[in-house]
Structure formats: structure tokens, C-alpha cells
Amino acid sequence: MFRPRSAVLAALAAVVFLAPGSAFAAAEIHRLNIAISGTPTQVNARDFNEGLDFYNRVTLAPHGFESLDKVKFTWLFETEVRYFVTRNLSINAGMGHERASTSKEYLPALSQSINVRAEILTVPVHVGASYYLQPYNQGDFQARVFAGGGLVQYTHSRVTFLQQLSGVDPVTSAQLGGSFKTGATQDAPGYYAEGGVHMFFAARYSVLLSAHYRSGELANLLDEGTGQVFINPQTNQPFKLDVGGIGFRMAVVVGL
């Protein structure tokens, strides 16, 4: 009479010890989250690269110096707050930092150096929303596809160009235009759109992966020295800075 009972107890013990950890845990979904992300991204920067082409052709090429590389790629780093208003809708707001540059050092003779650096800098501040589809669950793992977008304000945006000569003879210095630094600045609005997957685990940490598109064209940049509209030397038109592009966002999300 004790054999059936023993068999049942043995089966229960087997379930307890052999069942996966998901029997005791589930993916944690927090209402308030902080996302820290890095996004390798394209940078359009058409006018910026046209200015580099003009400098390469007019200043560097006559002296046989190697051309400056165009700016086509950079990283966007962001910190974002994601708040789930409902199970399927989150409101997002955050701030980022994007810097792209190209530089060269030339050593035309002993004790002579020419340093050239061109840089783009912007601090995008965004607010938007994401809509989450029905989750896929597997034990203590949950994955949710989402799509979202919103508005961006590109702040503290500027373009700088530096040419620094050291020990260069007066004739070459005059031909190159001497040492100088120019800069132009402007702020402007834009928008972004993204779509990807948010993966949750049996922990307060989750992972977010998405394709990320940003639109951001800053028109009529102002010269930091004169306050006048900065001119594109290639086209002789007001300079525009396009910091938009397509990237792949990778984020670690911490639930609070």
C-alpha cells in the first residue's frame, strides 16, 4: 500500500530537482527603467565633407600632403528613461552625445609639424514613445518586438576646424594660411524612429537591440568668431550640418 505513495513522492522530488529554474522565476518587467546605449551610426555630413574636399584640393594637394578622410561613421552614446504607461506602451526621454572627427599630422621636415583636425559635435535631447507587441516567453526569458519614434532637439551643436603649424618656415606657413581655428554653431529640431527587440530576463537587467534612424539637419550655422552665417567654401552657400543617419542601437536597461 505504500508503494504508490512512494512512487508519487519520488516523482514530485524528480520534478522539483530536475525542473528548470523557470519554475521559480519569471522575466522581470519594471515600470521605470534606465537605458544606457551605444549606437554605431552613419553620419550624413554632406556639407562638412564638401568642405574637407575643398581644403584637400586647395591647401593640401599643392604641397603633396595626404588628404583628410571624410567623416562617415561615429558612435552615439545615450542615457534614456523608459517608463511603461501600460503593458504595451512606454514613454521615453533621454540625452546623448555624438562626436565625429578626422585628423592628420604632417611632418614635412625635421622639427616641423602640421596638425589638422576637423570635428562635429552635437548633444541630442529626445522624447518619444515605443509600442510593444505581444511577448514571446520561454521559461524565465521574454522577448518583445517594439517600434517607436519621437522628436529630437540637437543642442550644443558645432563644427570646428583646426590647423596648427609648428616650426614651419614663413613661406610655407603663408601658403598654408598660418595657424588658425574656426568654428560654427547652431541648434535645430529633428526626429527619430526605431524598431527592434527588447529582451527581459529573471533579473532587473534587460537588453534592447534596435535599428535606429535619426533626421537632423542644422541650417545656417553661425561663425563663432563673427556671428555671421558660415559659408560652405565649396558651394558658396550657407553651411548646413547634417548629423542624421542610420545606426544599430545596443542598450543595457536597468529596471528601478
C-alpha atoms as a PDB file:
ATOM      1  CA  MET A   1       0.000   0.000   0.000  1.00  0.00           C
ATOM      2  CA  PHE A   2       2.978   2.316   0.458  1.00  0.00           C
ATOM      3  CA  ARG A   3       4.427   1.708  -2.997  1.00  0.00           C
ATOM      4  CA  PRO A   4       2.052   4.051  -4.936  1.00  0.00           C
ATOM      5  CA  ARG A   5       2.624   6.802  -2.351  1.00  0.00           C
ATOM      6  CA  SER A   6       6.370   6.333  -2.580  1.00  0.00           C
ATOM      7  CA  ALA A   7       6.218   6.473  -6.348  1.00  0.00           C
ATOM      8  CA  VAL A   8       4.276   9.768  -6.227  1.00  0.00           C
ATOM      9  CA  LEU A   9       6.720  11.297  -3.754  1.00  0.00           C
ATOM     10  CA  ALA A  10       9.621  10.172  -5.913  1.00  0.00           C
ATOM     11  CA  ALA A  11       8.016  11.754  -8.990  1.00  0.00           C
ATOM     12  CA  LEU A  12       7.418  15.041  -7.159  1.00  0.00           C
ATOM     13  CA  ALA A  13      11.013  15.067  -5.943  1.00  0.00           C
ATOM     14  CA  ALA A  14      12.211  14.498  -9.505  1.00  0.00           C
ATOM     15  CA  VAL A  15      10.119  17.443 -10.743  1.00  0.00           C
ATOM     16  CA  VAL A  16      11.481  19.700  -8.001  1.00  0.00           C
ATOM     17  CA  PHE A  17      15.124  18.858  -8.651  1.00  0.00           C
ATOM     18  CA  LEU A  18      15.038  18.412 -12.430  1.00  0.00           C
ATOM     19  CA  ALA A  19      12.639  21.193 -13.477  1.00  0.00           C
ATOM     20  CA  PRO A  20      14.315  24.286 -14.939  1.00  0.00           C
ATOM     21  CA  GLY A  21      14.798  27.418 -12.881  1.00  0.00           C
ATOM     22  CA  SER A  22      11.869  28.996 -14.706  1.00  0.00           C
ATOM     23  CA  ALA A  23       9.594  27.084 -12.317  1.00  0.00           C
ATOM     24  CA  PHE A  24      10.696  29.511  -9.643  1.00  0.00           C
ATOM     25  CA  ALA A  25      11.396  32.654 -11.670  1.00  0.00           C
ATOM     26  CA  ALA A  26       9.871  34.760 -14.394  1.00  0.00           C
ATOM     27  CA  ALA A  27      11.138  37.582 -16.545  1.00  0.00           C
ATOM     28  CA  GLU A  28      11.097  40.820 -14.553  1.00  0.00           C
ATOM     29  CA  ILE A  29       9.213  43.722 -16.142  1.00  0.00           C
ATOM     30  CA  HIS A  30       9.764  47.047 -14.379  1.00  0.00           C
ATOM     31  CA  ARG A  31       7.628  50.091 -14.963  1.00  0.00           C
ATOM     32  CA  LEU A  32      10.538  52.559 -14.679  1.00  0.00           C
ATOM     33  CA  ASN A  33      13.814  51.814 -16.450  1.00  0.00           C
ATOM     34  CA  ILE A  34      17.133  53.466 -17.269  1.00  0.00           C
ATOM     35  CA  ALA A  35      18.674  52.540 -20.636  1.00  0.00           C
ATOM     36  CA  ILE A  36      22.362  53.128 -21.365  1.00  0.00           C
ATOM     37  CA  SER A  37      23.154  52.642 -25.027  1.00  0.00           C
ATOM     38  CA  GLY A  38      25.844  52.855 -27.665  1.00  0.00           C
ATOM     39  CA  THR A  39      24.925  53.182 -31.330  1.00  0.00           C
ATOM     40  CA  PRO A  40      27.406  52.765 -34.173  1.00  0.00           C
ATOM     41  CA  THR A  41      25.857  55.052 -36.741  1.00  0.00           C
ATOM     42  CA  GLN A  42      26.218  56.604 -40.150  1.00  0.00           C
ATOM     43  CA  VAL A  43      26.717  60.389 -40.321  1.00  0.00           C
ATOM     44  CA  ASN A  44      25.452  62.154 -43.444  1.00  0.00           C
ATOM     45  CA  ALA A  45      27.581  65.340 -43.029  1.00  0.00           C
ATOM     46  CA  ARG A  46      27.398  66.312 -46.715  1.00  0.00           C
ATOM     47  CA  ASP A  47      28.451  69.976 -46.412  1.00  0.00           C
ATOM     48  CA  PHE A  48      31.101  69.071 -43.855  1.00  0.00           C
ATOM     49  CA  ASN A  49      32.698  66.575 -46.247  1.00  0.00           C
ATOM     50  CA  GLU A  50      32.435  69.031 -49.128  1.00  0.00           C
ATOM     51  CA  GLY A  51      34.435  71.495 -47.024  1.00  0.00           C
ATOM     52  CA  LEU A  52      37.055  68.815 -46.438  1.00  0.00           C
ATOM     53  CA  ASP A  53      37.240  68.153 -50.182  1.00  0.00           C
ATOM     54  CA  PHE A  54      37.833  71.869 -50.808  1.00  0.00           C
ATOM     55  CA  TYR A  55      40.597  72.012 -48.181  1.00  0.00           C
ATOM     56  CA  ASN A  56      42.229  68.850 -49.549  1.00  0.00           C
ATOM     57  CA  ARG A  57      42.244  70.219 -53.092  1.00  0.00           C
ATOM     58  CA  VAL A  58      43.245  73.823 -52.411  1.00  0.00           C
ATOM     59  CA  THR A  59      45.575  73.533 -49.404  1.00  0.00           C
ATOM     60  CA  LEU A  60      46.966  70.018 -49.062  1.00  0.00           C
ATOM     61  CA  ALA A  61      47.260  68.749 -52.624  1.00  0.00           C
ATOM     62  CA  PRO A  62      49.607  71.528 -53.888  1.00  0.00           C
ATOM     63  CA  HIS A  63      52.105  70.505 -51.166  1.00  0.00           C
ATOM     64  CA  GLY A  64      51.762  66.789 -51.805  1.00  0.00           C
ATOM     65  CA  PHE A  65      50.162  66.143 -48.424  1.00  0.00           C
ATOM     66  CA  GLU A  66      47.787  63.223 -47.870  1.00  0.00           C
ATOM     67  CA  SER A  67      44.113  64.185 -47.921  1.00  0.00           C
ATOM     68  CA  LEU A  68      41.943  64.283 -44.820  1.00  0.00           C
ATOM     69  CA  ASP A  69      39.481  61.388 -44.616  1.00  0.00           C
ATOM     70  CA  LYS A  70      35.771  62.107 -44.896  1.00  0.00           C
ATOM     71  CA  VAL A  71      33.523  61.686 -41.876  1.00  0.00           C
ATOM     72  CA  LYS A  72      31.010  58.896 -42.490  1.00  0.00           C
ATOM     73  CA  PHE A  73      30.728  56.954 -39.205  1.00  0.00           C
ATOM     74  CA  THR A  74      30.702  57.601 -35.476  1.00  0.00           C
ATOM     75  CA  TRP A  75      29.164  56.440 -32.176  1.00  0.00           C
ATOM     76  CA  LEU A  76      26.126  57.920 -30.466  1.00  0.00           C
ATOM     77  CA  PHE A  77      26.058  57.360 -26.693  1.00  0.00           C
ATOM     78  CA  GLU A  78      22.785  57.934 -24.852  1.00  0.00           C
ATOM     79  CA  THR A  79      21.143  57.675 -21.457  1.00  0.00           C
ATOM     80  CA  GLU A  80      17.378  57.274 -21.554  1.00  0.00           C
ATOM     81  CA  VAL A  81      14.450  56.908 -19.159  1.00  0.00           C
ATOM     82  CA  ARG A  82      11.782  54.423 -20.331  1.00  0.00           C
ATOM     83  CA  TYR A  83       8.511  54.454 -18.389  1.00  0.00           C
ATOM     84  CA  PHE A  84       5.797  51.880 -19.135  1.00  0.00           C
ATOM     85  CA  VAL A  85       2.476  53.714 -19.001  1.00  0.00           C
ATOM     86  CA  THR A  86       0.715  50.493 -19.936  1.00  0.00           C
ATOM     87  CA  ARG A  87       1.951  46.973 -20.613  1.00  0.00           C
ATOM     88  CA  ASN A  88       2.360  47.810 -24.298  1.00  0.00           C
ATOM     89  CA  LEU A  89       3.323  51.500 -24.287  1.00  0.00           C
ATOM     90  CA  SER A  90       6.416  53.199 -22.917  1.00  0.00           C
ATOM     91  CA  ILE A  91       7.248  56.910 -22.811  1.00  0.00           C
ATOM     92  CA  ASN A  92      10.926  57.626 -23.439  1.00  0.00           C
ATOM     93  CA  ALA A  93      13.153  60.636 -22.824  1.00  0.00           C
ATOM     94  CA  GLY A  94      16.899  60.959 -22.866  1.00  0.00           C
ATOM     95  CA  MET A  95      20.091  62.750 -23.817  1.00  0.00           C
ATOM     96  CA  GLY A  96      23.032  61.687 -25.949  1.00  0.00           C
ATOM     97  CA  HIS A  97      26.484  62.670 -27.135  1.00  0.00           C
ATOM     98  CA  GLU A  98      27.722  62.357 -30.711  1.00  0.00           C
ATOM     99  CA  ARG A  99      31.216  63.308 -31.830  1.00  0.00           C
ATOM    100  CA  ALA A 100      32.831  62.622 -35.208  1.00  0.00           C
ATOM    101  CA  SER A 101      36.245  63.805 -36.319  1.00  0.00           C
ATOM    102  CA  THR A 102      39.056  63.390 -38.817  1.00  0.00           C
ATOM    103  CA  SER A 103      42.668  64.432 -38.304  1.00  0.00           C
ATOM    104  CA  LYS A 104      46.164  64.204 -39.761  1.00  0.00           C
ATOM    105  CA  GLU A 105      49.677  65.121 -38.656  1.00  0.00           C
ATOM    106  CA  TYR A 106      52.213  66.082 -41.322  1.00  0.00           C
ATOM    107  CA  LEU A 107      55.977  66.214 -40.771  1.00  0.00           C
ATOM    108  CA  PRO A 108      57.369  67.999 -43.841  1.00  0.00           C
ATOM    109  CA  ALA A 109      60.883  68.426 -42.383  1.00  0.00           C
ATOM    110  CA  LEU A 110      62.888  67.983 -39.205  1.00  0.00           C
ATOM    111  CA  SER A 111      61.336  69.857 -36.254  1.00  0.00           C
ATOM    112  CA  GLN A 112      58.364  70.857 -38.406  1.00  0.00           C
ATOM    113  CA  SER A 113      54.798  69.679 -37.850  1.00  0.00           C
ATOM    114  CA  ILE A 114      51.390  70.499 -39.231  1.00  0.00           C
ATOM    115  CA  ASN A 115      48.367  69.259 -37.290  1.00  0.00           C
ATOM    116  CA  VAL A 116      44.929  69.402 -38.884  1.00  0.00           C
ATOM    117  CA  ARG A 117      41.681  68.371 -37.198  1.00  0.00           C
ATOM    118  CA  ALA A 118      38.027  68.734 -38.225  1.00  0.00           C
ATOM    119  CA  GLU A 119      35.251  67.791 -35.812  1.00  0.00           C
ATOM    120  CA  ILE A 120      31.478  67.572 -35.478  1.00  0.00           C
ATOM    121  CA  LEU A 121      29.847  67.662 -32.042  1.00  0.00           C
ATOM    122  CA  THR A 122      26.186  67.570 -31.038  1.00  0.00           C
ATOM    123  CA  VAL A 123      24.157  66.729 -27.923  1.00  0.00           C
ATOM    124  CA  PRO A 124      20.744  65.350 -28.964  1.00  0.00           C
ATOM    125  CA  VAL A 125      17.887  65.506 -26.447  1.00  0.00           C
ATOM    126  CA  HIS A 126      14.874  63.379 -27.346  1.00  0.00           C
ATOM    127  CA  VAL A 127      11.382  62.496 -26.189  1.00  0.00           C
ATOM    128  CA  GLY A 128       9.175  59.831 -27.730  1.00  0.00           C
ATOM    129  CA  ALA A 129       7.235  56.618 -27.246  1.00  0.00           C
ATOM    130  CA  SER A 130       7.517  52.907 -28.052  1.00  0.00           C
ATOM    131  CA  TYR A 131       4.750  50.397 -28.693  1.00  0.00           C
ATOM    132  CA  TYR A 132       5.432  46.786 -27.669  1.00  0.00           C
ATOM    133  CA  LEU A 133       3.825  43.798 -29.375  1.00  0.00           C
ATOM    134  CA  GLN A 134       2.775  40.591 -27.625  1.00  0.00           C
ATOM    135  CA  PRO A 135       5.679  38.879 -25.842  1.00  0.00           C
ATOM    136  CA  TYR A 136       7.399  35.624 -26.663  1.00  0.00           C
ATOM    137  CA  ASN A 137       8.014  33.650 -23.460  1.00  0.00           C
ATOM    138  CA  GLN A 138      10.400  30.773 -22.879  1.00  0.00           C
ATOM    139  CA  GLY A 139      10.918  29.882 -19.230  1.00  0.00           C
ATOM    140  CA  ASP A 140      12.371  32.921 -17.454  1.00  0.00           C
ATOM    141  CA  PHE A 141      13.094  34.682 -20.766  1.00  0.00           C
ATOM    142  CA  GLN A 142      10.773  37.099 -22.516  1.00  0.00           C
ATOM    143  CA  ALA A 143      11.309  38.902 -25.842  1.00  0.00           C
ATOM    144  CA  ARG A 144       9.109  41.710 -27.141  1.00  0.00           C
ATOM    145  CA  VAL A 145       9.262  43.336 -30.543  1.00  0.00           C
ATOM    146  CA  PHE A 146       8.670  47.096 -30.453  1.00  0.00           C
ATOM    147  CA  ALA A 147       8.518  50.136 -32.706  1.00  0.00           C
ATOM    148  CA  GLY A 148       8.746  53.761 -31.725  1.00  0.00           C
ATOM    149  CA  GLY A 149       9.812  57.284 -32.529  1.00  0.00           C
ATOM    150  CA  GLY A 150       9.755  60.846 -31.369  1.00  0.00           C
ATOM    151  CA  LEU A 151      11.271  64.308 -31.535  1.00  0.00           C
ATOM    152  CA  VAL A 152      14.910  65.328 -31.115  1.00  0.00           C
ATOM    153  CA  GLN A 153      16.422  68.693 -30.256  1.00  0.00           C
ATOM    154  CA  TYR A 154      20.073  68.895 -31.330  1.00  0.00           C
ATOM    155  CA  THR A 155      21.787  71.144 -28.781  1.00  0.00           C
ATOM    156  CA  HIS A 156      25.348  72.430 -28.327  1.00  0.00           C
ATOM    157  CA  SER A 157      25.960  71.519 -31.964  1.00  0.00           C
ATOM    158  CA  ARG A 158      29.108  72.839 -33.567  1.00  0.00           C
ATOM    159  CA  VAL A 159      31.694  72.300 -36.278  1.00  0.00           C
ATOM    160  CA  THR A 160      35.352  73.123 -35.641  1.00  0.00           C
ATOM    161  CA  PHE A 161      38.379  73.143 -37.927  1.00  0.00           C
ATOM    162  CA  LEU A 162      41.913  73.474 -36.565  1.00  0.00           C
ATOM    163  CA  GLN A 163      45.203  73.961 -38.413  1.00  0.00           C
ATOM    164  CA  GLN A 164      48.235  74.249 -36.154  1.00  0.00           C
ATOM    165  CA  LEU A 165      51.748  74.843 -37.511  1.00  0.00           C
ATOM    166  CA  SER A 166      54.928  74.332 -35.502  1.00  0.00           C
ATOM    167  CA  GLY A 167      58.437  75.185 -36.756  1.00  0.00           C
ATOM    168  CA  VAL A 168      57.216  75.672 -40.333  1.00  0.00           C
ATOM    169  CA  ASP A 169      59.191  78.154 -42.464  1.00  0.00           C
ATOM    170  CA  PRO A 170      57.484  81.514 -43.168  1.00  0.00           C
ATOM    171  CA  VAL A 171      56.933  80.831 -46.890  1.00  0.00           C
ATOM    172  CA  THR A 172      55.139  77.514 -46.317  1.00  0.00           C
ATOM    173  CA  SER A 173      53.232  78.997 -43.388  1.00  0.00           C
ATOM    174  CA  ALA A 174      51.966  81.840 -45.569  1.00  0.00           C
ATOM    175  CA  GLN A 175      50.951  79.408 -48.311  1.00  0.00           C
ATOM    176  CA  LEU A 176      49.006  77.294 -45.832  1.00  0.00           C
ATOM    177  CA  GLY A 177      47.373  80.293 -44.217  1.00  0.00           C
ATOM    178  CA  GLY A 178      49.185  80.019 -40.877  1.00  0.00           C
ATOM    179  CA  SER A 179      47.749  78.549 -37.685  1.00  0.00           C
ATOM    180  CA  PHE A 180      44.039  79.081 -37.172  1.00  0.00           C
ATOM    181  CA  LYS A 181      40.889  77.651 -35.643  1.00  0.00           C
ATOM    182  CA  THR A 182      37.392  78.254 -36.962  1.00  0.00           C
ATOM    183  CA  GLY A 183      34.056  77.145 -35.594  1.00  0.00           C
ATOM    184  CA  ALA A 184      30.363  77.419 -36.345  1.00  0.00           C
ATOM    185  CA  THR A 185      27.354  76.553 -34.218  1.00  0.00           C
ATOM    186  CA  GLN A 186      23.594  76.134 -34.436  1.00  0.00           C
ATOM    187  CA  ASP A 187      20.756  74.171 -32.806  1.00  0.00           C
ATOM    188  CA  ALA A 188      17.780  72.622 -34.587  1.00  0.00           C
ATOM    189  CA  PRO A 189      14.944  70.098 -34.137  1.00  0.00           C
ATOM    190  CA  GLY A 190      14.666  66.706 -35.797  1.00  0.00           C
ATOM    191  CA  TYR A 191      13.024  63.346 -35.294  1.00  0.00           C
ATOM    192  CA  TYR A 192      13.913  59.694 -34.852  1.00  0.00           C
ATOM    193  CA  ALA A 193      12.353  56.290 -35.497  1.00  0.00           C
ATOM    194  CA  GLU A 194      13.420  52.866 -34.280  1.00  0.00           C
ATOM    195  CA  GLY A 195      12.306  49.266 -34.257  1.00  0.00           C
ATOM    196  CA  GLY A 196      13.778  46.203 -32.640  1.00  0.00           C
ATOM    197  CA  VAL A 197      13.509  43.726 -29.801  1.00  0.00           C
ATOM    198  CA  HIS A 198      13.613  44.146 -26.010  1.00  0.00           C
ATOM    199  CA  MET A 199      14.756  41.016 -24.145  1.00  0.00           C
ATOM    200  CA  PHE A 200      13.876  40.509 -20.477  1.00  0.00           C
ATOM    201  CA  PHE A 201      15.378  38.024 -18.016  1.00  0.00           C
ATOM    202  CA  ALA A 202      14.788  36.902 -14.436  1.00  0.00           C
ATOM    203  CA  ALA A 203      16.739  39.927 -13.230  1.00  0.00           C
ATOM    204  CA  ARG A 204      16.390  43.672 -13.122  1.00  0.00           C
ATOM    205  CA  TYR A 205      18.612  43.935 -16.208  1.00  0.00           C
ATOM    206  CA  SER A 206      17.349  43.607 -19.771  1.00  0.00           C
ATOM    207  CA  VAL A 207      18.832  44.110 -23.239  1.00  0.00           C
ATOM    208  CA  LEU A 208      17.468  46.236 -26.066  1.00  0.00           C
ATOM    209  CA  LEU A 209      18.578  45.951 -29.721  1.00  0.00           C
ATOM    210  CA  SER A 210      17.140  48.115 -32.471  1.00  0.00           C
ATOM    211  CA  ALA A 211      17.632  49.736 -35.854  1.00  0.00           C
ATOM    212  CA  HIS A 212      17.744  53.484 -35.239  1.00  0.00           C
ATOM    213  CA  TYR A 213      17.136  56.279 -37.774  1.00  0.00           C
ATOM    214  CA  ARG A 214      17.708  59.949 -36.980  1.00  0.00           C
ATOM    215  CA  SER A 215      16.881  63.026 -39.024  1.00  0.00           C
ATOM    216  CA  GLY A 216      18.837  66.133 -38.066  1.00  0.00           C
ATOM    217  CA  GLU A 217      19.794  68.922 -40.447  1.00  0.00           C
ATOM    218  CA  LEU A 218      21.099  72.128 -38.911  1.00  0.00           C
ATOM    219  CA  ALA A 219      20.858  75.074 -41.309  1.00  0.00           C
ATOM    220  CA  ASN A 220      22.527  78.490 -41.296  1.00  0.00           C
ATOM    221  CA  LEU A 221      25.333  77.755 -38.872  1.00  0.00           C
ATOM    222  CA  LEU A 222      26.813  80.903 -37.329  1.00  0.00           C
ATOM    223  CA  ASP A 223      30.530  81.633 -37.241  1.00  0.00           C
ATOM    224  CA  GLU A 224      31.629  81.639 -33.583  1.00  0.00           C
ATOM    225  CA  GLY A 225      34.083  84.479 -34.246  1.00  0.00           C
ATOM    226  CA  THR A 226      31.969  86.899 -36.261  1.00  0.00           C
ATOM    227  CA  GLY A 227      28.390  85.799 -35.610  1.00  0.00           C
ATOM    228  CA  GLN A 228      27.770  85.783 -39.364  1.00  0.00           C
ATOM    229  CA  VAL A 229      26.266  82.907 -41.334  1.00  0.00           C
ATOM    230  CA  PHE A 230      29.001  80.372 -42.081  1.00  0.00           C
ATOM    231  CA  ILE A 231      29.562  79.774 -45.810  1.00  0.00           C
ATOM    232  CA  ASN A 232      30.329  76.448 -47.462  1.00  0.00           C
ATOM    233  CA  PRO A 233      33.503  77.201 -49.474  1.00  0.00           C
ATOM    234  CA  GLN A 234      32.642  74.502 -51.995  1.00  0.00           C
ATOM    235  CA  THR A 235      29.203  75.852 -52.965  1.00  0.00           C
ATOM    236  CA  ASN A 236      29.406  79.415 -51.607  1.00  0.00           C
ATOM    237  CA  GLN A 237      26.042  78.786 -49.920  1.00  0.00           C
ATOM    238  CA  PRO A 238      25.100  78.884 -46.203  1.00  0.00           C
ATOM    239  CA  PHE A 239      26.640  75.901 -44.440  1.00  0.00           C
ATOM    240  CA  LYS A 240      24.353  73.052 -43.356  1.00  0.00           C
ATOM    241  CA  LEU A 241      25.312  70.348 -40.866  1.00  0.00           C
ATOM    242  CA  ASP A 242      23.524  67.016 -41.274  1.00  0.00           C
ATOM    243  CA  VAL A 243      24.115  64.862 -38.191  1.00  0.00           C
ATOM    244  CA  GLY A 244      21.407  62.332 -39.083  1.00  0.00           C
ATOM    245  CA  GLY A 245      21.908  58.755 -40.171  1.00  0.00           C
ATOM    246  CA  ILE A 246      21.038  55.104 -39.654  1.00  0.00           C
ATOM    247  CA  GLY A 247      22.566  53.092 -36.815  1.00  0.00           C
ATOM    248  CA  PHE A 248      22.244  49.945 -34.740  1.00  0.00           C
ATOM    249  CA  ARG A 249      21.397  50.619 -31.110  1.00  0.00           C
ATOM    250  CA  MET A 250      22.638  48.331 -28.310  1.00  0.00           C
ATOM    251  CA  ALA A 251      21.387  49.117 -24.816  1.00  0.00           C
ATOM    252  CA  VAL A 252      21.568  47.707 -21.314  1.00  0.00           C
ATOM    253  CA  VAL A 253      18.355  48.542 -19.453  1.00  0.00           C
ATOM    254  CA  VAL A 254      18.179  48.652 -15.654  1.00  0.00           C
ATOM    255  CA  GLY A 255      14.785  48.286 -14.001  1.00  0.00           C
ATOM    256  CA  LEU A 256      14.118  50.525 -10.996  1.00  0.00           C
END
